[in-house]
């Protein structure tokens, strides 16, 4: 644990795109927001609902079920009804790959 794992090619996602990945049994989302990569838990903290079905906008990811937005940097919700953060993970881009540490 503590090692970075390659999860995508650095140019695989266009801005506002997402990719589902599983690392060490955890369901995660790789998100591209304005060219910056983020990795967060796939499931919304408010309801057990996939954030993959939402959208990325202004550095946030939206849950399409109830409309909560989460900051991709901190994981904190930015509006109701969610009041618990989602987990975020360290990301780096190197050697043409996107890497995450779980």
PDB file of N, CA and C in Angstrom:
ATOM      1  N   UNK A   1       0.843  -1.185   0.000  1.00  0.00           N
ATOM      2  CA  UNK A   1       0.000   0.000   0.000  1.00  0.00           C
ATOM      3  C   UNK A   1       0.886   1.246   0.000  1.00  0.00           C
ATOM      4  N   UNK A   2       0.364   2.354  -0.498  1.00  0.00           N
ATOM      5  CA  UNK A   2       1.154   3.556  -0.570  1.00  0.00           C
ATOM      6  C   UNK A   2       1.874   3.710  -1.887  1.00  0.00           C
ATOM      7  N   UNK A   3       1.766   2.733  -2.764  1.00  0.00           N
ATOM      8  CA  UNK A   3       2.392   2.816  -4.075  1.00  0.00           C
ATOM      9  C   UNK A   3       1.424   3.458  -5.072  1.00  0.00           C
ATOM     10  N   UNK A   4       2.010   4.189  -6.019  1.00  0.00           N
ATOM     11  CA  UNK A   4       1.185   4.732  -7.101  1.00  0.00           C
ATOM     12  C   UNK A   4       0.926   3.642  -8.141  1.00  0.00           C
ATOM     13  N   UNK A   5      -0.296   3.629  -8.684  1.00  0.00           N
ATOM     14  CA  UNK A   5      -0.712   2.656  -9.682  1.00  0.00           C
ATOM     15  C   UNK A   5      -1.161   3.414 -10.921  1.00  0.00           C
ATOM     16  N   UNK A   6      -0.691   2.976 -12.097  1.00  0.00           N
ATOM     17  CA  UNK A   6      -1.115   3.601 -13.354  1.00  0.00           C
ATOM     18  C   UNK A   6      -2.551   3.190 -13.655  1.00  0.00           C
ATOM     19  N   UNK A   7      -3.400   4.182 -13.964  1.00  0.00           N
ATOM     20  CA  UNK A   7      -4.819   3.869 -14.207  1.00  0.00           C
ATOM     21  C   UNK A   7      -5.325   4.340 -15.573  1.00  0.00           C
ATOM     22  N   UNK A   8      -4.523   5.146 -16.279  1.00  0.00           N
ATOM     23  CA  UNK A   8      -4.976   5.634 -17.589  1.00  0.00           C
ATOM     24  C   UNK A   8      -3.811   6.288 -18.318  1.00  0.00           C
ATOM     25  N   UNK A   9      -3.947   6.391 -19.625  1.00  0.00           N
ATOM     26  CA  UNK A   9      -3.004   7.196 -20.396  1.00  0.00           C
ATOM     27  C   UNK A   9      -3.277   8.661 -20.088  1.00  0.00           C
ATOM     28  N   UNK A  10      -2.227   9.460 -20.036  1.00  0.00           N
ATOM     29  CA  UNK A  10      -2.365  10.876 -19.666  1.00  0.00           C
ATOM     30  C   UNK A  10      -3.315  11.629 -20.594  1.00  0.00           C
ATOM     31  N   UNK A  11      -3.405  11.211 -21.850  1.00  0.00           N
ATOM     32  CA  UNK A  11      -4.260  11.914 -22.818  1.00  0.00           C
ATOM     33  C   UNK A  11      -5.574  11.173 -23.098  1.00  0.00           C
ATOM     34  N   UNK A  12      -5.899  10.201 -22.261  1.00  0.00           N
ATOM     35  CA  UNK A  12      -7.089   9.376 -22.502  1.00  0.00           C
ATOM     36  C   UNK A  12      -8.399  10.146 -22.327  1.00  0.00           C
ATOM     37  N   UNK A  13      -8.458  11.012 -21.319  1.00  0.00           N
ATOM     38  CA  UNK A  13      -9.695  11.739 -21.029  1.00  0.00           C
ATOM     39  C   UNK A  13      -9.611  13.188 -21.500  1.00  0.00           C
ATOM     40  N   UNK A  14     -10.656  13.622 -22.153  1.00  0.00           N
ATOM     41  CA  UNK A  14     -10.786  15.038 -22.493  1.00  0.00           C
ATOM     42  C   UNK A  14     -11.368  15.765 -21.273  1.00  0.00           C
ATOM     43  N   UNK A  15     -11.226  17.093 -21.209  1.00  0.00           N
ATOM     44  CA  UNK A  15     -11.844  17.826 -20.098  1.00  0.00           C
ATOM     45  C   UNK A  15     -13.330  17.491 -19.966  1.00  0.00           C
ATOM     46  N   UNK A  16     -13.774  17.350 -18.716  1.00  0.00           N
ATOM     47  CA  UNK A  16     -15.156  17.022 -18.338  1.00  0.00           C
ATOM     48  C   UNK A  16     -15.488  15.548 -18.535  1.00  0.00           C
ATOM     49  N   UNK A  17     -14.498  14.714 -18.878  1.00  0.00           N
ATOM     50  CA  UNK A  17     -14.747  13.276 -18.990  1.00  0.00           C
ATOM     51  C   UNK A  17     -14.318  12.552 -17.723  1.00  0.00           C
ATOM     52  N   UNK A  18     -14.902  11.360 -17.521  1.00  0.00           N
ATOM     53  CA  UNK A  18     -14.603  10.515 -16.363  1.00  0.00           C
ATOM     54  C   UNK A  18     -14.354   9.093 -16.826  1.00  0.00           C
ATOM     55  N   UNK A  19     -13.653   8.344 -15.977  1.00  0.00           N
ATOM     56  CA  UNK A  19     -13.418   6.923 -16.228  1.00  0.00           C
ATOM     57  C   UNK A  19     -13.543   6.185 -14.906  1.00  0.00           C
ATOM     58  N   UNK A  20     -14.284   5.083 -14.921  1.00  0.00           N
ATOM     59  CA  UNK A  20     -14.372   4.222 -13.737  1.00  0.00           C
ATOM     60  C   UNK A  20     -13.122   3.357 -13.674  1.00  0.00           C
ATOM     61  N   UNK A  21     -12.525   3.254 -12.488  1.00  0.00           N
ATOM     62  CA  UNK A  21     -11.370   2.382 -12.277  1.00  0.00           C
ATOM     63  C   UNK A  21     -11.535   1.667 -10.941  1.00  0.00           C
ATOM     64  N   UNK A  22     -10.921   0.506 -10.814  1.00  0.00           N
ATOM     65  CA  UNK A  22     -10.914  -0.220  -9.546  1.00  0.00           C
ATOM     66  C   UNK A  22      -9.460  -0.423  -9.152  1.00  0.00           C
ATOM     67  N   UNK A  23      -9.101   0.049  -7.961  1.00  0.00           N
ATOM     68  CA  UNK A  23      -7.747  -0.099  -7.440  1.00  0.00           C
ATOM     69  C   UNK A  23      -7.846  -0.688  -6.039  1.00  0.00           C
ATOM     70  N   UNK A  24      -7.167  -1.789  -5.812  1.00  0.00           N
ATOM     71  CA  UNK A  24      -7.217  -2.477  -4.511  1.00  0.00           C
ATOM     72  C   UNK A  24      -8.651  -2.709  -4.038  1.00  0.00           C
ATOM     73  N   UNK A  25      -9.532  -3.049  -4.966  1.00  0.00           N
ATOM     74  CA  UNK A  25     -10.915  -3.344  -4.618  1.00  0.00           C
ATOM     75  C   UNK A  25     -11.799  -2.127  -4.412  1.00  0.00           C
ATOM     76  N   UNK A  26     -11.230  -0.921  -4.530  1.00  0.00           N
ATOM     77  CA  UNK A  26     -12.016   0.307  -4.351  1.00  0.00           C
ATOM     78  C   UNK A  26     -12.507   0.804  -5.712  1.00  0.00           C
ATOM     79  N   UNK A  27     -13.793   1.159  -5.759  1.00  0.00           N
ATOM     80  CA  UNK A  27     -14.366   1.734  -6.980  1.00  0.00           C
ATOM     81  C   UNK A  27     -14.098   3.233  -6.972  1.00  0.00           C
ATOM     82  N   UNK A  28     -13.328   3.678  -7.964  1.00  0.00           N
ATOM     83  CA  UNK A  28     -12.918   5.078  -8.035  1.00  0.00           C
ATOM     84  C   UNK A  28     -13.316   5.682  -9.368  1.00  0.00           C
ATOM     85  N   UNK A  29     -13.289   7.023  -9.395  1.00  0.00           N
ATOM     86  CA  UNK A  29     -13.489   7.748 -10.643  1.00  0.00           C
ATOM     87  C   UNK A  29     -12.276   8.607 -10.919  1.00  0.00           C
ATOM     88  N   UNK A  30     -11.742   8.473 -12.119  1.00  0.00           N
ATOM     89  CA  UNK A  30     -10.734   9.391 -12.614  1.00  0.00           C
ATOM     90  C   UNK A  30     -11.483  10.485 -13.354  1.00  0.00           C
ATOM     91  N   UNK A  31     -11.244  11.746 -12.975  1.00  0.00           N
ATOM     92  CA  UNK A  31     -11.962  12.884 -13.550  1.00  0.00           C
ATOM     93  C   UNK A  31     -10.982  13.869 -14.149  1.00  0.00           C
ATOM     94  N   UNK A  32     -11.333  14.396 -15.311  1.00  0.00           N
ATOM     95  CA  UNK A  32     -10.551  15.461 -15.926  1.00  0.00           C
ATOM     96  C   UNK A  32     -11.375  16.733 -15.838  1.00  0.00           C
ATOM     97  N   UNK A  33     -10.899  17.685 -15.037  1.00  0.00           N
ATOM     98  CA  UNK A  33     -11.569  18.980 -14.927  1.00  0.00           C
ATOM     99  C   UNK A  33     -10.626  20.048 -15.456  1.00  0.00           C
ATOM    100  N   UNK A  34     -10.943  20.592 -16.608  1.00  0.00           N
ATOM    101  CA  UNK A  34     -10.143  21.652 -17.242  1.00  0.00           C
ATOM    102  C   UNK A  34      -8.678  21.246 -17.395  1.00  0.00           C
ATOM    103  N   UNK A  35      -8.448  19.956 -17.709  1.00  0.00           N
ATOM    104  CA  UNK A  35      -7.094  19.485 -17.969  1.00  0.00           C
ATOM    105  C   UNK A  35      -6.353  18.970 -16.747  1.00  0.00           C
ATOM    106  N   UNK A  36      -6.940  19.097 -15.552  1.00  0.00           N
ATOM    107  CA  UNK A  36      -6.329  18.572 -14.335  1.00  0.00           C
ATOM    108  C   UNK A  36      -7.027  17.276 -13.955  1.00  0.00           C
ATOM    109  N   UNK A  37      -6.233  16.261 -13.590  1.00  0.00           N
ATOM    110  CA  UNK A  37      -6.792  14.963 -13.215  1.00  0.00           C
ATOM    111  C   UNK A  37      -7.022  14.872 -11.710  1.00  0.00           C
ATOM    112  N   UNK A  38      -8.154  14.277 -11.355  1.00  0.00           N
ATOM    113  CA  UNK A  38      -8.522  14.041  -9.955  1.00  0.00           C
ATOM    114  C   UNK A  38      -9.024  12.608  -9.841  1.00  0.00           C
ATOM    115  N   UNK A  39      -8.852  12.002  -8.668  1.00  0.00           N
ATOM    116  CA  UNK A  39      -9.444  10.696  -8.409  1.00  0.00           C
ATOM    117  C   UNK A  39     -10.236  10.796  -7.111  1.00  0.00           C
ATOM    118  N   UNK A  40     -11.490  10.351  -7.188  1.00  0.00           N
ATOM    119  CA  UNK A  40     -12.400  10.380  -6.035  1.00  0.00           C
ATOM    120  C   UNK A  40     -13.130   9.045  -5.950  1.00  0.00           C
ATOM    121  N   UNK A  41     -13.760   8.783  -4.793  1.00  0.00           N
ATOM    122  CA  UNK A  41     -14.633   7.618  -4.674  1.00  0.00           C
ATOM    123  C   UNK A  41     -15.753   7.732  -5.697  1.00  0.00           C
ATOM    124  N   UNK A  42     -16.149   6.585  -6.258  1.00  0.00           N
ATOM    125  CA  UNK A  42     -17.201   6.614  -7.279  1.00  0.00           C
ATOM    126  C   UNK A  42     -18.571   6.923  -6.695  1.00  0.00           C
ATOM    127  N   UNK A  43     -18.829   6.481  -5.467  1.00  0.00           N
ATOM    128  CA  UNK A  43     -20.175   6.602  -4.928  1.00  0.00           C
ATOM    129  C   UNK A  43     -20.390   7.895  -4.144  1.00  0.00           C
ATOM    130  N   UNK A  44     -21.560   8.482  -4.332  1.00  0.00           N
ATOM    131  CA  UNK A  44     -21.954   9.681  -3.601  1.00  0.00           C
ATOM    132  C   UNK A  44     -22.053   9.355  -2.114  1.00  0.00           C
ATOM    133  N   UNK A  45     -21.673  10.304  -1.277  1.00  0.00           N
ATOM    134  CA  UNK A  45     -21.732  10.088   0.176  1.00  0.00           C
ATOM    135  C   UNK A  45     -23.151  10.241   0.727  1.00  0.00           C
ATOM    136  N   UNK A  46     -24.039  10.836  -0.050  1.00  0.00           N
ATOM    137  CA  UNK A  46     -25.412  11.074   0.406  1.00  0.00           C
ATOM    138  C   UNK A  46     -26.290   9.848   0.180  1.00  0.00           C
ATOM    139  N   UNK A  47     -26.245   9.285  -0.999  1.00  0.00           N
ATOM    140  CA  UNK A  47     -26.967   8.064  -1.351  1.00  0.00           C
ATOM    141  C   UNK A  47     -25.962   7.161  -2.052  1.00  0.00           C
ATOM    142  N   UNK A  48     -26.189   5.878  -2.020  1.00  0.00           N
ATOM    143  CA  UNK A  48     -25.285   4.944  -2.694  1.00  0.00           C
ATOM    144  C   UNK A  48     -25.587   4.999  -4.193  1.00  0.00           C
ATOM    145  N   UNK A  49     -25.051   6.031  -4.834  1.00  0.00           N
ATOM    146  CA  UNK A  49     -25.361   6.292  -6.238  1.00  0.00           C
ATOM    147  C   UNK A  49     -24.080   6.714  -6.945  1.00  0.00           C
ATOM    148  N   UNK A  50     -23.868   6.197  -8.147  1.00  0.00           N
ATOM    149  CA  UNK A  50     -22.617   6.450  -8.856  1.00  0.00           C
ATOM    150  C   UNK A  50     -22.502   7.887  -9.360  1.00  0.00           C
ATOM    151  N   UNK A  51     -21.402   8.530  -8.974  1.00  0.00           N
ATOM    152  CA  UNK A  51     -21.130   9.880  -9.472  1.00  0.00           C
ATOM    153  C   UNK A  51     -20.770   9.872 -10.961  1.00  0.00           C
ATOM    154  N   UNK A  52     -20.471   8.690 -11.486  1.00  0.00           N
ATOM    155  CA  UNK A  52     -20.164   8.557 -12.915  1.00  0.00           C
ATOM    156  C   UNK A  52     -21.344   9.010 -13.764  1.00  0.00           C
ATOM    157  N   UNK A  53     -22.540   8.914 -13.217  1.00  0.00           N
ATOM    158  CA  UNK A  53     -23.748   9.305 -13.948  1.00  0.00           C
ATOM    159  C   UNK A  53     -23.975  10.815 -13.916  1.00  0.00           C
ATOM    160  N   UNK A  54     -23.129  11.533 -13.181  1.00  0.00           N
ATOM    161  CA  UNK A  54     -23.242  12.988 -13.087  1.00  0.00           C
ATOM    162  C   UNK A  54     -22.354  13.686 -14.111  1.00  0.00           C
ATOM    163  N   UNK A  55     -21.905  14.887 -13.753  1.00  0.00           N
ATOM    164  CA  UNK A  55     -21.075  15.653 -14.671  1.00  0.00           C
ATOM    165  C   UNK A  55     -20.018  16.434 -13.891  1.00  0.00           C
ATOM    166  N   UNK A  56     -18.998  16.870 -14.617  1.00  0.00           N
ATOM    167  CA  UNK A  56     -17.916  17.665 -14.035  1.00  0.00           C
ATOM    168  C   UNK A  56     -18.070  19.101 -14.512  1.00  0.00           C
ATOM    169  N   UNK A  57     -17.986  20.034 -13.557  1.00  0.00           N
ATOM    170  CA  UNK A  57     -18.137  21.451 -13.911  1.00  0.00           C
ATOM    171  C   UNK A  57     -17.392  22.304 -12.894  1.00  0.00           C
ATOM    172  N   UNK A  58     -16.536  23.201 -13.368  1.00  0.00           N
ATOM    173  CA  UNK A  58     -15.840  24.172 -12.506  1.00  0.00           C
ATOM    174  C   UNK A  58     -15.132  23.523 -11.311  1.00  0.00           C
ATOM    175  N   UNK A  59     -14.417  22.414 -11.562  1.00  0.00           N
ATOM    176  CA  UNK A  59     -13.660  21.775 -10.489  1.00  0.00           C
ATOM    177  C   UNK A  59     -14.493  20.981  -9.511  1.00  0.00           C
ATOM    178  N   UNK A  60     -15.758  20.724  -9.887  1.00  0.00           N
ATOM    179  CA  UNK A  60     -16.655  19.968  -9.014  1.00  0.00           C
ATOM    180  C   UNK A  60     -17.290  18.827  -9.811  1.00  0.00           C
ATOM    181  N   UNK A  61     -17.743  17.797  -9.077  1.00  0.00           N
ATOM    182  CA  UNK A  61     -18.493  16.713  -9.698  1.00  0.00           C
ATOM    183  C   UNK A  61     -19.905  16.733  -9.119  1.00  0.00           C
ATOM    184  N   UNK A  62     -20.879  16.554 -10.001  1.00  0.00           N
ATOM    185  CA  UNK A  62     -22.283  16.616  -9.597  1.00  0.00           C
ATOM    186  C   UNK A  62     -22.869  15.215  -9.540  1.00  0.00           C
ATOM    187  N   UNK A  63     -23.604  14.931  -8.474  1.00  0.00           N
ATOM    188  CA  UNK A  63     -24.378  13.694  -8.388  1.00  0.00           C
ATOM    189  C   UNK A  63     -25.712  13.948  -9.081  1.00  0.00           C
ATOM    190  N   UNK A  64     -26.017  13.126 -10.075  1.00  0.00           N
ATOM    191  CA  UNK A  64     -27.245  13.363 -10.844  1.00  0.00           C
ATOM    192  C   UNK A  64     -28.508  12.920 -10.108  1.00  0.00           C
ATOM    193  N   UNK A  65     -28.365  12.225  -8.977  1.00  0.00           N
ATOM    194  CA  UNK A  65     -29.559  11.766  -8.263  1.00  0.00           C
ATOM    195  C   UNK A  65     -30.265  12.915  -7.541  1.00  0.00           C
ATOM    196  N   UNK A  66     -29.534  13.656  -6.703  1.00  0.00           N
ATOM    197  CA  UNK A  66     -30.148  14.744  -5.938  1.00  0.00           C
ATOM    198  C   UNK A  66     -29.494  16.101  -6.159  1.00  0.00           C
ATOM    199  N   UNK A  67     -28.485  16.167  -7.034  1.00  0.00           N
ATOM    200  CA  UNK A  67     -27.915  17.458  -7.399  1.00  0.00           C
ATOM    201  C   UNK A  67     -26.799  17.981  -6.516  1.00  0.00           C
ATOM    202  N   UNK A  68     -26.286  17.173  -5.610  1.00  0.00           N
ATOM    203  CA  UNK A  68     -25.167  17.633  -4.783  1.00  0.00           C
ATOM    204  C   UNK A  68     -23.902  17.765  -5.636  1.00  0.00           C
ATOM    205  N   UNK A  69     -23.121  18.787  -5.328  1.00  0.00           N
ATOM    206  CA  UNK A  69     -21.814  18.962  -5.958  1.00  0.00           C
ATOM    207  C   UNK A  69     -20.733  18.705  -4.921  1.00  0.00           C
ATOM    208  N   UNK A  70     -19.614  18.107  -5.362  1.00  0.00           N
ATOM    209  CA  UNK A  70     -18.465  17.857  -4.501  1.00  0.00           C
ATOM    210  C   UNK A  70     -17.229  18.483  -5.131  1.00  0.00           C
ATOM    211  N   UNK A  71     -16.421  19.151  -4.317  1.00  0.00           N
ATOM    212  CA  UNK A  71     -15.162  19.728  -4.764  1.00  0.00           C
ATOM    213  C   UNK A  71     -14.202  18.585  -5.095  1.00  0.00           C
ATOM    214  N   UNK A  72     -13.639  18.578  -6.302  1.00  0.00           N
ATOM    215  CA  UNK A  72     -12.755  17.484  -6.707  1.00  0.00           C
ATOM    216  C   UNK A  72     -11.412  17.508  -5.976  1.00  0.00           C
ATOM    217  N   UNK A  73     -11.009  18.661  -5.457  1.00  0.00           N
ATOM    218  CA  UNK A  73      -9.743  18.759  -4.733  1.00  0.00           C
ATOM    219  C   UNK A  73      -9.881  18.246  -3.308  1.00  0.00           C
ATOM    220  N   UNK A  74     -10.943  18.655  -2.618  1.00  0.00           N
ATOM    221  CA  UNK A  74     -11.102  18.337  -1.199  1.00  0.00           C
ATOM    222  C   UNK A  74     -12.102  17.217  -0.931  1.00  0.00           C
ATOM    223  N   UNK A  75     -13.022  16.975  -1.872  1.00  0.00           N
ATOM    224  CA  UNK A  75     -14.087  16.004  -1.672  1.00  0.00           C
ATOM    225  C   UNK A  75     -15.270  16.551  -0.899  1.00  0.00           C
ATOM    226  N   UNK A  76     -15.162  17.795  -0.425  1.00  0.00           N
ATOM    227  CA  UNK A  76     -16.240  18.364   0.394  1.00  0.00           C
ATOM    228  C   UNK A  76     -17.452  18.726  -0.461  1.00  0.00           C
ATOM    229  N   UNK A  77     -18.665  18.475   0.084  1.00  0.00           N
ATOM    230  CA  UNK A  77     -19.864  18.875  -0.641  1.00  0.00           C
ATOM    231  C   UNK A  77     -19.973  20.403  -0.652  1.00  0.00           C
ATOM    232  N   UNK A  78     -20.449  20.949  -1.768  1.00  0.00           N
ATOM    233  CA  UNK A  78     -20.574  22.403  -1.880  1.00  0.00           C
ATOM    234  C   UNK A  78     -22.027  22.858  -1.834  1.00  0.00           C
ATOM    235  N   UNK A  79     -22.960  21.902  -1.757  1.00  0.00           N
ATOM    236  CA  UNK A  79     -24.368  22.252  -1.622  1.00  0.00           C
ATOM    237  C   UNK A  79     -25.146  21.049  -1.094  1.00  0.00           C
ATOM    238  N   UNK A  80     -26.341  21.308  -0.577  1.00  0.00           N
ATOM    239  CA  UNK A  80     -27.209  20.247  -0.076  1.00  0.00           C
ATOM    240  C   UNK A  80     -27.716  19.400  -1.242  1.00  0.00           C
ATOM    241  N   UNK A  81     -28.189  18.169  -0.984  1.00  0.00           N
ATOM    242  CA  UNK A  81     -28.425  17.588   0.331  1.00  0.00           C
ATOM    243  C   UNK A  81     -27.216  16.871   0.952  1.00  0.00           C
ATOM    244  N   UNK A  82     -26.144  16.641   0.204  1.00  0.00           N
ATOM    245  CA  UNK A  82     -24.994  15.924   0.775  1.00  0.00           C
ATOM    246  C   UNK A  82     -24.321  16.766   1.855  1.00  0.00           C
ATOM    247  N   UNK A  83     -23.948  16.113   2.965  1.00  0.00           N
ATOM    248  CA  UNK A  83     -23.225  16.838   4.011  1.00  0.00           C
ATOM    249  C   UNK A  83     -21.944  16.100   4.431  1.00  0.00           C
ATOM    250  N   UNK A  84     -21.678  14.943   3.829  1.00  0.00           N
ATOM    251  CA  UNK A  84     -20.451  14.194   4.088  1.00  0.00           C
ATOM    252  C   UNK A  84     -19.559  14.283   2.851  1.00  0.00           C
ATOM    253  N   UNK A  85     -18.250  14.461   3.044  1.00  0.00           N
ATOM    254  CA  UNK A  85     -17.353  14.517   1.884  1.00  0.00           C
ATOM    255  C   UNK A  85     -17.169  13.138   1.237  1.00  0.00           C
ATOM    256  N   UNK A  86     -16.739  13.143  -0.009  1.00  0.00           N
ATOM    257  CA  UNK A  86     -16.281  11.923  -0.657  1.00  0.00           C
ATOM    258  C   UNK A  86     -14.761  11.900  -0.522  1.00  0.00           C
ATOM    259  N   UNK A  87     -14.170  10.728  -0.615  1.00  0.00           N
ATOM    260  CA  UNK A  87     -12.723  10.618  -0.443  1.00  0.00           C
ATOM    261  C   UNK A  87     -12.008  10.995  -1.729  1.00  0.00           C
ATOM    262  N   UNK A  88     -10.900  11.695  -1.582  1.00  0.00           N
ATOM    263  CA  UNK A  88     -10.049  12.043  -2.717  1.00  0.00           C
ATOM    264  C   UNK A  88      -8.721  11.313  -2.558  1.00  0.00           C
ATOM    265  N   UNK A  89      -8.002  11.145  -3.661  1.00  0.00           N
ATOM    266  CA  UNK A  89      -6.759  10.377  -3.655  1.00  0.00           C
ATOM    267  C   UNK A  89      -5.653  11.150  -4.375  1.00  0.00           C
ATOM    268  N   UNK A  90      -4.403  10.976  -3.929  1.00  0.00           N
ATOM    269  CA  UNK A  90      -3.284  11.653  -4.588  1.00  0.00           C
ATOM    270  C   UNK A  90      -3.115  11.149  -6.027  1.00  0.00           C
ATOM    271  N   UNK A  91      -2.912  12.097  -6.941  1.00  0.00           N
ATOM    272  CA  UNK A  91      -2.766  11.794  -8.364  1.00  0.00           C
ATOM    273  C   UNK A  91      -1.492  12.453  -8.872  1.00  0.00           C
ATOM    274  N   UNK A  92      -0.814  11.757  -9.785  1.00  0.00           N
ATOM    275  CA  UNK A  92       0.304  12.387 -10.481  1.00  0.00           C
ATOM    276  C   UNK A  92       0.268  11.932 -11.934  1.00  0.00           C
ATOM    277  N   UNK A  93       0.827  12.773 -12.809  1.00  0.00           N
ATOM    278  CA  UNK A  93       0.950  12.429 -14.209  1.00  0.00           C
ATOM    279  C   UNK A  93       2.439  12.326 -14.511  1.00  0.00           C
ATOM    280  N   UNK A  94       2.870  11.150 -14.965  1.00  0.00           N
ATOM    281  CA  UNK A  94       4.282  10.914 -15.272  1.00  0.00           C
ATOM    282  C   UNK A  94       4.386   9.811 -16.315  1.00  0.00           C
ATOM    283  N   UNK A  95       5.402   9.915 -17.155  1.00  0.00           N
ATOM    284  CA  UNK A  95       5.669   8.892 -18.173  1.00  0.00           C
ATOM    285  C   UNK A  95       4.454   8.598 -19.052  1.00  0.00           C
ATOM    286  N   UNK A  96       3.671   9.634 -19.337  1.00  0.00           N
ATOM    287  CA  UNK A  96       2.513   9.474 -20.221  1.00  0.00           C
ATOM    288  C   UNK A  96       1.323   8.753 -19.587  1.00  0.00           C
ATOM    289  N   UNK A  97       1.366   8.573 -18.247  1.00  0.00           N
ATOM    290  CA  UNK A  97       0.308   7.868 -17.542  1.00  0.00           C
ATOM    291  C   UNK A  97      -0.237   8.733 -16.401  1.00  0.00           C
ATOM    292  N   UNK A  98      -1.482   8.444 -16.029  1.00  0.00           N
ATOM    293  CA  UNK A  98      -2.064   9.015 -14.818  1.00  0.00           C
ATOM    294  C   UNK A  98      -1.922   7.961 -13.726  1.00  0.00           C
ATOM    295  N   UNK A  99      -1.400   8.359 -12.570  1.00  0.00           N
ATOM    296  CA  UNK A  99      -1.137   7.439 -11.463  1.00  0.00           C
ATOM    297  C   UNK A  99      -1.929   7.882 -10.242  1.00  0.00           C
ATOM    298  N   UNK A 100      -2.399   6.914  -9.460  1.00  0.00           N
ATOM    299  CA  UNK A 100      -3.121   7.216  -8.226  1.00  0.00           C
ATOM    300  C   UNK A 100      -2.528   6.407  -7.084  1.00  0.00           C
ATOM    301  N   UNK A 101      -2.576   6.977  -5.890  1.00  0.00           N
ATOM    302  CA  UNK A 101      -2.172   6.253  -4.681  1.00  0.00           C
ATOM    303  C   UNK A 101      -3.393   6.101  -3.804  1.00  0.00           C
ATOM    304  N   UNK A 102      -3.717   4.840  -3.491  1.00  0.00           N
ATOM    305  CA  UNK A 102      -4.915   4.549  -2.696  1.00  0.00           C
ATOM    306  C   UNK A 102      -4.545   4.369  -1.233  1.00  0.00           C
TER     307      UNK A 102
END
